[in-house]
């Protein structure tokens, strides 16, 4: 595998994680629209604890999984 294949493989993994996470993020946005919120959900990637926040002022959701090297993002 060359460097280009490695990069494409990482991109494919990120897209797969996003596809698995999108339904949860969309649900959080719908349930907490225009409200600040923080909570814990089951991580759709590893089944661990996913800490989430929703910001009322812009609707962004951020998350961080307790499992090392799993999900961690900020919108």
N, C-alpha and C. Protein backbone atom coordinates (compact mmCIF):
# COMPACT_ATOMS: atom_id res chain seq x y z
N UNK A 1 0.84 -1.18 0.00
CA UNK A 1 0.00 0.00 0.00
C UNK A 1 0.88 1.24 0.00
N UNK A 2 0.60 2.16 -0.89
CA UNK A 2 1.40 3.39 -0.91
C UNK A 2 0.71 4.48 -0.07
N UNK A 3 1.35 5.62 0.00
CA UNK A 3 0.84 6.70 0.85
C UNK A 3 -0.55 7.15 0.41
N UNK A 4 -0.79 7.22 -0.88
CA UNK A 4 -2.09 7.64 -1.39
C UNK A 4 -3.19 6.67 -0.95
N UNK A 5 -2.89 5.37 -0.98
CA UNK A 5 -3.86 4.38 -0.52
C UNK A 5 -4.13 4.52 0.97
N UNK A 6 -3.09 4.81 1.76
CA UNK A 6 -3.25 5.01 3.21
C UNK A 6 -4.16 6.20 3.49
N UNK A 7 -3.95 7.28 2.75
CA UNK A 7 -4.76 8.48 2.94
C UNK A 7 -6.22 8.19 2.58
N UNK A 8 -6.44 7.51 1.46
CA UNK A 8 -7.80 7.18 1.05
C UNK A 8 -8.47 6.27 2.06
N UNK A 9 -7.73 5.33 2.62
CA UNK A 9 -8.27 4.43 3.64
C UNK A 9 -8.73 5.21 4.88
N UNK A 10 -7.93 6.18 5.31
CA UNK A 10 -8.30 7.01 6.47
C UNK A 10 -9.54 7.85 6.16
N UNK A 11 -9.62 8.39 4.97
CA UNK A 11 -10.79 9.18 4.57
C UNK A 11 -12.03 8.29 4.59
N UNK A 12 -11.91 7.07 4.05
CA UNK A 12 -13.05 6.14 4.04
C UNK A 12 -13.51 5.80 5.45
N UNK A 13 -12.57 5.62 6.38
CA UNK A 13 -12.92 5.33 7.77
C UNK A 13 -13.64 6.51 8.41
N UNK A 14 -13.19 7.74 8.13
CA UNK A 14 -13.85 8.92 8.69
C UNK A 14 -15.27 9.05 8.16
N UNK A 15 -15.46 8.82 6.88
CA UNK A 15 -16.80 8.89 6.29
C UNK A 15 -17.72 7.84 6.90
N UNK A 16 -17.21 6.64 7.12
CA UNK A 16 -17.99 5.57 7.73
C UNK A 16 -18.42 5.96 9.15
N UNK A 17 -17.51 6.56 9.91
CA UNK A 17 -17.84 7.00 11.27
C UNK A 17 -18.90 8.10 11.23
N UNK A 18 -18.78 9.03 10.29
CA UNK A 18 -19.77 10.10 10.17
C UNK A 18 -21.14 9.53 9.83
N UNK A 19 -21.17 8.56 8.92
CA UNK A 19 -22.44 7.94 8.53
C UNK A 19 -23.11 7.26 9.72
N UNK A 20 -22.33 6.66 10.61
CA UNK A 20 -22.88 5.99 11.78
C UNK A 20 -23.30 6.99 12.86
N UNK A 21 -22.67 8.16 12.88
CA UNK A 21 -22.92 9.16 13.91
C UNK A 21 -24.04 10.13 13.53
N UNK A 22 -24.24 10.37 12.25
CA UNK A 22 -25.23 11.35 11.78
C UNK A 22 -26.63 11.17 12.35
N UNK A 23 -27.19 9.95 12.40
CA UNK A 23 -28.55 9.81 12.95
C UNK A 23 -28.64 10.30 14.40
N UNK A 24 -27.63 10.00 15.20
CA UNK A 24 -27.62 10.45 16.60
C UNK A 24 -27.54 11.97 16.68
N UNK A 25 -26.65 12.56 15.91
CA UNK A 25 -26.49 14.02 15.92
C UNK A 25 -27.78 14.69 15.46
N UNK A 26 -28.39 14.18 14.42
CA UNK A 26 -29.64 14.76 13.92
C UNK A 26 -30.76 14.66 14.95
N UNK A 27 -30.80 13.55 15.69
CA UNK A 27 -31.81 13.39 16.75
C UNK A 27 -31.59 14.40 17.86
N UNK A 28 -30.34 14.57 18.27
CA UNK A 28 -30.01 15.53 19.33
C UNK A 28 -30.41 16.94 18.89
N UNK A 29 -30.10 17.29 17.66
CA UNK A 29 -30.45 18.62 17.15
C UNK A 29 -31.96 18.83 17.15
N UNK A 30 -32.72 17.82 16.76
CA UNK A 30 -34.17 17.93 16.72
C UNK A 30 -34.78 18.00 18.12
N UNK A 31 -34.29 17.18 19.02
CA UNK A 31 -34.85 17.14 20.37
C UNK A 31 -34.52 18.38 21.20
N UNK A 32 -33.39 18.99 20.94
CA UNK A 32 -32.92 20.09 21.79
C UNK A 32 -32.80 21.41 21.04
N UNK A 33 -33.58 21.54 19.98
CA UNK A 33 -33.55 22.76 19.17
C UNK A 33 -33.77 23.99 20.04
N UNK A 34 -32.90 24.96 19.90
CA UNK A 34 -32.94 26.24 20.62
C UNK A 34 -32.78 26.09 22.13
N UNK A 35 -32.17 24.97 22.56
CA UNK A 35 -31.90 24.75 23.99
C UNK A 35 -30.46 24.28 24.16
N UNK A 36 -29.76 24.81 25.16
CA UNK A 36 -28.47 24.25 25.53
C UNK A 36 -28.73 22.90 26.18
N UNK A 37 -27.87 21.94 25.91
CA UNK A 37 -28.04 20.61 26.45
C UNK A 37 -26.69 19.91 26.54
N UNK A 38 -26.53 19.08 27.53
CA UNK A 38 -25.37 18.21 27.66
C UNK A 38 -25.85 16.87 28.17
N UNK A 39 -25.30 15.80 27.63
CA UNK A 39 -25.71 14.47 28.07
C UNK A 39 -24.77 13.40 27.58
N UNK A 40 -25.12 12.18 27.92
CA UNK A 40 -24.32 11.01 27.54
C UNK A 40 -25.22 10.05 26.78
N UNK A 41 -24.73 9.57 25.66
CA UNK A 41 -25.43 8.60 24.82
C UNK A 41 -24.49 7.42 24.57
N UNK A 42 -25.04 6.34 24.05
CA UNK A 42 -24.22 5.20 23.65
C UNK A 42 -23.50 5.56 22.36
N UNK A 43 -22.20 5.34 22.33
CA UNK A 43 -21.41 5.64 21.14
C UNK A 43 -21.80 4.68 20.02
N UNK A 44 -22.15 5.21 18.84
CA UNK A 44 -22.54 4.35 17.73
C UNK A 44 -21.36 3.60 17.10
N UNK A 45 -20.15 3.95 17.49
CA UNK A 45 -18.97 3.28 16.94
C UNK A 45 -18.53 2.12 17.83
N UNK A 46 -18.34 2.39 19.14
CA UNK A 46 -17.76 1.37 20.02
C UNK A 46 -18.71 0.87 21.10
N UNK A 47 -19.86 1.55 21.30
CA UNK A 47 -20.80 1.16 22.34
C UNK A 47 -20.46 1.73 23.71
N UNK A 48 -19.41 2.55 23.78
CA UNK A 48 -19.03 3.19 25.03
C UNK A 48 -19.86 4.41 25.33
N UNK A 49 -19.38 5.25 26.24
CA UNK A 49 -20.09 6.47 26.63
C UNK A 49 -19.63 7.64 25.76
N UNK A 50 -20.59 8.25 25.08
CA UNK A 50 -20.33 9.40 24.22
C UNK A 50 -20.91 10.64 24.89
N UNK A 51 -20.05 11.55 25.31
CA UNK A 51 -20.47 12.80 25.95
C UNK A 51 -20.77 13.81 24.85
N UNK A 52 -21.96 14.40 24.92
CA UNK A 52 -22.42 15.32 23.88
C UNK A 52 -22.87 16.65 24.47
N UNK A 53 -22.72 17.70 23.68
CA UNK A 53 -23.30 19.00 24.02
C UNK A 53 -23.99 19.56 22.80
N UNK A 54 -25.05 20.32 23.05
CA UNK A 54 -25.78 21.02 22.00
C UNK A 54 -25.85 22.48 22.39
N UNK A 55 -25.47 23.35 21.46
CA UNK A 55 -25.47 24.79 21.72
C UNK A 55 -26.73 25.42 21.15
N UNK A 56 -27.47 26.14 22.00
CA UNK A 56 -28.72 26.77 21.59
C UNK A 56 -28.49 27.86 20.54
N UNK A 57 -27.41 28.61 20.66
CA UNK A 57 -27.23 29.78 19.80
C UNK A 57 -26.93 29.43 18.36
N UNK A 58 -26.36 28.25 18.06
CA UNK A 58 -26.08 27.91 16.67
C UNK A 58 -26.49 26.48 16.30
N UNK A 59 -26.98 25.71 17.26
CA UNK A 59 -27.42 24.36 16.99
C UNK A 59 -26.33 23.33 16.80
N UNK A 60 -25.10 23.69 17.09
CA UNK A 60 -24.00 22.76 16.89
C UNK A 60 -23.97 21.70 17.98
N UNK A 61 -23.57 20.51 17.57
CA UNK A 61 -23.40 19.39 18.49
C UNK A 61 -21.92 19.00 18.49
N UNK A 62 -21.37 18.81 19.67
CA UNK A 62 -20.00 18.35 19.83
C UNK A 62 -20.03 17.08 20.66
N UNK A 63 -19.05 16.20 20.42
CA UNK A 63 -19.04 14.95 21.15
C UNK A 63 -17.64 14.42 21.39
N UNK A 64 -17.53 13.65 22.45
CA UNK A 64 -16.26 13.02 22.79
C UNK A 64 -16.55 11.69 23.47
N UNK A 65 -16.05 10.61 22.89
CA UNK A 65 -16.23 9.28 23.44
C UNK A 65 -15.16 9.02 24.49
N UNK A 66 -15.54 8.30 25.55
CA UNK A 66 -14.58 7.96 26.60
C UNK A 66 -13.55 6.94 26.13
N UNK A 67 -13.86 6.20 25.06
CA UNK A 67 -12.94 5.20 24.54
C UNK A 67 -11.81 5.89 23.78
N UNK A 68 -10.59 5.51 24.10
CA UNK A 68 -9.42 6.11 23.44
C UNK A 68 -9.48 5.88 21.93
N UNK A 69 -9.11 6.92 21.18
CA UNK A 69 -9.05 6.88 19.72
C UNK A 69 -10.39 6.61 19.04
N UNK A 70 -11.48 6.95 19.73
CA UNK A 70 -12.81 6.80 19.11
C UNK A 70 -13.27 8.19 18.66
N UNK A 71 -14.54 8.49 18.81
CA UNK A 71 -15.10 9.76 18.33
C UNK A 71 -14.66 10.94 19.19
N UNK A 72 -14.43 12.06 18.52
CA UNK A 72 -14.12 13.33 19.19
C UNK A 72 -14.23 14.41 18.13
N UNK A 73 -15.27 15.26 18.24
CA UNK A 73 -15.46 16.30 17.23
C UNK A 73 -16.11 17.54 17.84
N UNK A 74 -15.99 18.64 17.12
CA UNK A 74 -16.66 19.87 17.47
C UNK A 74 -17.14 20.52 16.18
N UNK A 75 -18.42 20.88 16.15
CA UNK A 75 -18.96 21.58 14.98
C UNK A 75 -18.68 23.05 15.12
